Amino acid sequence: MNPNIERLKLLFIAAFAVLVVGVMIWQVVWIMPQKACEGDHKWWDGSARVCAQPVLISDITGRTIQDKQAEAAARTAMGKTPSPSKP
């Protein structure tokens, strides 16, 4: 067989192998941590690959949310259970 065809075949096989390894690294390093972070109801920053815990402003400032339905909805959206209403 022509040696150019053999070299071209090896070149395509090597390029395919490099692409497959690149996709595997992409999945393990970027996609899997992102899905795990979003599954825990946290925020994923893809540029820095950081998983951050969302915090309600009312938790930082100490002010309470006056509308209990809005507070329950915010806590549910963050993945926290709503605090029981006080009688």
N, C-alpha and C. Protein backbone atom coordinates (compact mmCIF):
# COMPACT_ATOMS: atom_id res chain seq x y z
N MET A 1 0.84 -1.17 0.00
CA MET A 1 0.00 0.00 0.00
C MET A 1 0.90 1.25 0.00
N ASN A 2 0.35 2.31 -0.45
CA ASN A 2 1.07 3.57 -0.56
C ASN A 2 1.45 4.06 0.85
N PRO A 3 2.71 4.44 1.08
CA PRO A 3 3.12 4.91 2.41
C PRO A 3 2.42 6.22 2.83
N ASN A 4 2.02 7.02 1.88
CA ASN A 4 1.29 8.26 2.23
C ASN A 4 -0.07 7.93 2.84
N ILE A 5 -0.72 6.92 2.30
CA ILE A 5 -2.01 6.51 2.84
C ILE A 5 -1.84 5.98 4.25
N GLU A 6 -0.79 5.22 4.49
CA GLU A 6 -0.52 4.68 5.84
C GLU A 6 -0.28 5.82 6.83
N ARG A 7 0.51 6.80 6.44
CA ARG A 7 0.77 7.94 7.32
C ARG A 7 -0.50 8.74 7.58
N LEU A 8 -1.31 8.95 6.55
CA LEU A 8 -2.55 9.68 6.69
C LEU A 8 -3.52 8.92 7.62
N LYS A 9 -3.55 7.60 7.48
CA LYS A 9 -4.39 6.78 8.34
C LYS A 9 -3.95 6.93 9.79
N LEU A 10 -2.68 6.87 10.06
CA LEU A 10 -2.17 7.02 11.42
C LEU A 10 -2.43 8.43 11.96
N LEU A 11 -2.35 9.42 11.09
CA LEU A 11 -2.63 10.79 11.50
C LEU A 11 -4.09 10.94 11.92
N PHE A 12 -5.01 10.39 11.15
CA PHE A 12 -6.43 10.47 11.50
C PHE A 12 -6.74 9.69 12.78
N ILE A 13 -6.12 8.54 12.95
CA ILE A 13 -6.34 7.76 14.18
C ILE A 13 -5.81 8.53 15.39
N ALA A 14 -4.66 9.15 15.25
CA ALA A 14 -4.09 9.93 16.36
C ALA A 14 -4.97 11.14 16.66
N ALA A 15 -5.46 11.83 15.65
CA ALA A 15 -6.33 12.99 15.86
C ALA A 15 -7.62 12.56 16.55
N PHE A 16 -8.18 11.42 16.14
CA PHE A 16 -9.39 10.91 16.77
C PHE A 16 -9.14 10.57 18.23
N ALA A 17 -8.02 9.94 18.53
CA ALA A 17 -7.69 9.58 19.91
C ALA A 17 -7.52 10.83 20.78
N VAL A 18 -6.87 11.85 20.25
CA VAL A 18 -6.68 13.09 21.01
C VAL A 18 -8.03 13.76 21.27
N LEU A 19 -8.91 13.76 20.29
CA LEU A 19 -10.24 14.36 20.49
C LEU A 19 -11.06 13.58 21.52
N VAL A 20 -10.98 12.26 21.50
CA VAL A 20 -11.72 11.45 22.47
C VAL A 20 -11.20 11.72 23.89
N VAL A 21 -9.90 11.80 24.06
CA VAL A 21 -9.33 12.11 25.37
C VAL A 21 -9.73 13.52 25.80
N GLY A 22 -9.75 14.46 24.87
CA GLY A 22 -10.17 15.83 25.19
C GLY A 22 -11.62 15.89 25.66
N VAL A 23 -12.50 15.15 25.01
CA VAL A 23 -13.91 15.12 25.42
C VAL A 23 -14.05 14.47 26.80
N MET A 24 -13.29 13.43 27.06
CA MET A 24 -13.34 12.79 28.38
C MET A 24 -12.87 13.74 29.47
N ILE A 25 -11.80 14.47 29.22
CA ILE A 25 -11.30 15.44 30.20
C ILE A 25 -12.34 16.54 30.41
N TRP A 26 -12.96 17.01 29.33
CA TRP A 26 -13.99 18.04 29.44
C TRP A 26 -15.14 17.56 30.33
N GLN A 27 -15.56 16.32 30.14
CA GLN A 27 -16.66 15.78 30.94
C GLN A 27 -16.29 15.68 32.42
N VAL A 28 -15.10 15.17 32.70
CA VAL A 28 -14.71 14.94 34.09
C VAL A 28 -14.37 16.24 34.81
N VAL A 29 -13.75 17.19 34.13
CA VAL A 29 -13.27 18.40 34.79
C VAL A 29 -14.30 19.51 34.81
N TRP A 30 -15.16 19.61 33.80
CA TRP A 30 -16.11 20.72 33.75
C TRP A 30 -17.57 20.27 33.91
N ILE A 31 -18.02 19.32 33.15
CA ILE A 31 -19.45 18.99 33.11
C ILE A 31 -19.90 18.26 34.37
N MET A 32 -19.18 17.26 34.81
CA MET A 32 -19.60 16.50 36.00
C MET A 32 -19.64 17.36 37.26
N PRO A 33 -18.64 18.20 37.54
CA PRO A 33 -18.76 19.09 38.71
C PRO A 33 -19.90 20.08 38.59
N GLN A 34 -20.16 20.57 37.38
CA GLN A 34 -21.26 21.51 37.18
C GLN A 34 -22.59 20.84 37.50
N LYS A 35 -22.80 19.64 37.01
CA LYS A 35 -24.07 18.95 37.29
C LYS A 35 -24.21 18.62 38.77
N ALA A 36 -23.12 18.25 39.43
CA ALA A 36 -23.19 17.97 40.86
C ALA A 36 -23.51 19.23 41.64
N CYS A 37 -22.93 20.34 41.26
CA CYS A 37 -23.17 21.62 41.93
C CYS A 37 -24.62 22.06 41.74
N GLU A 38 -25.10 22.01 40.52
CA GLU A 38 -26.47 22.43 40.25
C GLU A 38 -27.46 21.46 40.88
N GLY A 39 -27.09 20.20 41.03
CA GLY A 39 -27.95 19.23 41.70
C GLY A 39 -28.10 19.52 43.17
N ASP A 40 -27.11 20.18 43.77
CA ASP A 40 -27.16 20.56 45.18
C ASP A 40 -27.79 21.94 45.37
N HIS A 41 -28.38 22.52 44.30
CA HIS A 41 -29.01 23.85 44.33
C HIS A 41 -28.01 24.94 44.71
N LYS A 42 -26.81 24.86 44.13
CA LYS A 42 -25.81 25.89 44.33
C LYS A 42 -25.53 26.57 43.00
N TRP A 43 -24.72 27.61 43.03
CA TRP A 43 -24.39 28.37 41.83
C TRP A 43 -23.07 27.90 41.27
N TRP A 44 -23.02 27.66 39.96
CA TRP A 44 -21.80 27.22 39.28
C TRP A 44 -21.23 28.36 38.47
N ASP A 45 -19.96 28.68 38.72
CA ASP A 45 -19.24 29.68 37.94
C ASP A 45 -18.29 28.93 37.01
N GLY A 46 -18.64 28.86 35.74
CA GLY A 46 -17.87 28.08 34.78
C GLY A 46 -16.51 28.66 34.47
N SER A 47 -16.37 29.98 34.56
CA SER A 47 -15.08 30.58 34.21
C SER A 47 -14.01 30.24 35.24
N ALA A 48 -14.39 30.18 36.52
CA ALA A 48 -13.42 29.86 37.57
C ALA A 48 -13.63 28.45 38.11
N ARG A 49 -14.66 27.74 37.59
CA ARG A 49 -15.01 26.39 38.04
C ARG A 49 -15.18 26.36 39.55
N VAL A 50 -16.05 27.25 40.05
CA VAL A 50 -16.31 27.36 41.49
C VAL A 50 -17.78 27.07 41.74
N CYS A 51 -18.03 26.28 42.78
CA CYS A 51 -19.40 25.99 43.21
C CYS A 51 -19.66 26.83 44.46
N ALA A 52 -20.62 27.76 44.38
CA ALA A 52 -20.86 28.68 45.48
C ALA A 52 -22.24 28.46 46.08
N GLN A 53 -22.33 28.67 47.37
CA GLN A 53 -23.58 28.54 48.10
C GLN A 53 -24.33 29.88 48.03
N PRO A 54 -25.55 29.89 47.48
CA PRO A 54 -26.31 31.15 47.47
C PRO A 54 -26.74 31.51 48.88
N VAL A 55 -26.73 32.80 49.17
CA VAL A 55 -27.09 33.30 50.49
C VAL A 55 -28.17 34.36 50.32
N LEU A 56 -29.21 34.25 51.14
CA LEU A 56 -30.24 35.27 51.10
C LEU A 56 -29.71 36.57 51.69
N ILE A 57 -30.11 37.68 51.12
CA ILE A 57 -29.70 38.99 51.63
C ILE A 57 -30.18 39.15 53.07
N SER A 58 -31.35 38.60 53.37
CA SER A 58 -31.88 38.73 54.74
C SER A 58 -31.00 37.98 55.75
N ASP A 59 -30.31 36.93 55.31
CA ASP A 59 -29.38 36.24 56.21
C ASP A 59 -28.15 37.08 56.51
N ILE A 60 -27.73 37.90 55.55
CA ILE A 60 -26.55 38.74 55.74
C ILE A 60 -26.88 39.96 56.58
N THR A 61 -27.98 40.62 56.24
CA THR A 61 -28.30 41.88 56.92
C THR A 61 -29.03 41.69 58.24
N GLY A 62 -29.64 40.54 58.42
CA GLY A 62 -30.38 40.30 59.64
C GLY A 62 -31.82 40.77 59.57
N ARG A 63 -32.19 41.44 58.49
CA ARG A 63 -33.58 41.86 58.32
C ARG A 63 -34.42 40.67 57.90
N THR A 64 -35.62 40.63 58.35
CA THR A 64 -36.49 39.52 57.99
C THR A 64 -37.32 39.88 56.77
N ILE A 65 -37.69 38.87 56.02
CA ILE A 65 -38.57 39.06 54.88
C ILE A 65 -39.99 39.09 55.44
N GLN A 66 -40.72 40.16 55.18
CA GLN A 66 -42.04 40.34 55.76
C GLN A 66 -43.07 39.39 55.15
N ASP A 67 -42.97 39.14 53.87
CA ASP A 67 -43.91 38.25 53.19
C ASP A 67 -43.43 36.81 53.38
N LYS A 68 -44.17 36.03 54.15
CA LYS A 68 -43.75 34.66 54.47
C LYS A 68 -43.77 33.75 53.24
N GLN A 69 -44.69 34.01 52.31
CA GLN A 69 -44.71 33.20 51.09
C GLN A 69 -43.47 33.47 50.25
N ALA A 70 -43.05 34.71 50.18
CA ALA A 70 -41.85 35.06 49.42
C ALA A 70 -40.61 34.45 50.08
N GLU A 71 -40.56 34.46 51.41
CA GLU A 71 -39.43 33.86 52.11
C GLU A 71 -39.38 32.35 51.87
N ALA A 72 -40.53 31.70 51.93
CA ALA A 72 -40.58 30.26 51.69
C ALA A 72 -40.18 29.94 50.26
N ALA A 73 -40.61 30.76 49.30
CA ALA A 73 -40.24 30.53 47.91
C ALA A 73 -38.74 30.73 47.70
N ALA A 74 -38.16 31.73 48.35
CA ALA A 74 -36.72 31.98 48.21
C ALA A 74 -35.91 30.84 48.82
N ARG A 75 -36.32 30.37 49.97
CA ARG A 75 -35.60 29.26 50.60
C ARG A 75 -35.76 27.98 49.80
N THR A 76 -36.92 27.74 49.23
CA THR A 76 -37.13 26.56 48.40
C THR A 76 -36.27 26.62 47.15
N ALA A 77 -36.16 27.81 46.54
CA ALA A 77 -35.34 27.97 45.35
C ALA A 77 -33.87 27.72 45.64
N MET A 78 -33.44 28.01 46.88
CA MET A 78 -32.04 27.78 47.25
C MET A 78 -31.80 26.35 47.69
N GLY A 79 -32.86 25.55 47.82
CA GLY A 79 -32.70 24.17 48.23
C GLY A 79 -32.79 23.99 49.73
N LYS A 80 -33.18 25.02 50.45
CA LYS A 80 -33.34 24.93 51.89
C LYS A 80 -34.81 24.70 52.19
N THR A 81 -35.08 24.05 53.30
CA THR A 81 -36.47 23.87 53.68
C THR A 81 -36.96 25.16 54.32
N PRO A 82 -38.17 25.55 54.01
CA PRO A 82 -38.69 26.77 54.61
C PRO A 82 -38.82 26.61 56.12
N SER A 83 -38.48 27.68 56.84
CA SER A 83 -38.58 27.62 58.30
C SER A 83 -40.04 27.58 58.69
N PRO A 84 -40.36 26.82 59.73
CA PRO A 84 -41.76 26.74 60.14
C PRO A 84 -42.26 28.09 60.63
N SER A 85 -43.51 28.37 60.29
CA SER A 85 -44.06 29.67 60.71
C SER A 85 -44.33 29.67 62.19
N LYS A 86 -44.04 30.80 62.81
CA LYS A 86 -44.21 30.93 64.25
C LYS A 86 -45.66 31.30 64.55
N PRO A 87 -46.28 30.67 65.55
CA PRO A 87 -47.67 30.99 65.87
C PRO A 87 -47.84 32.35 66.48
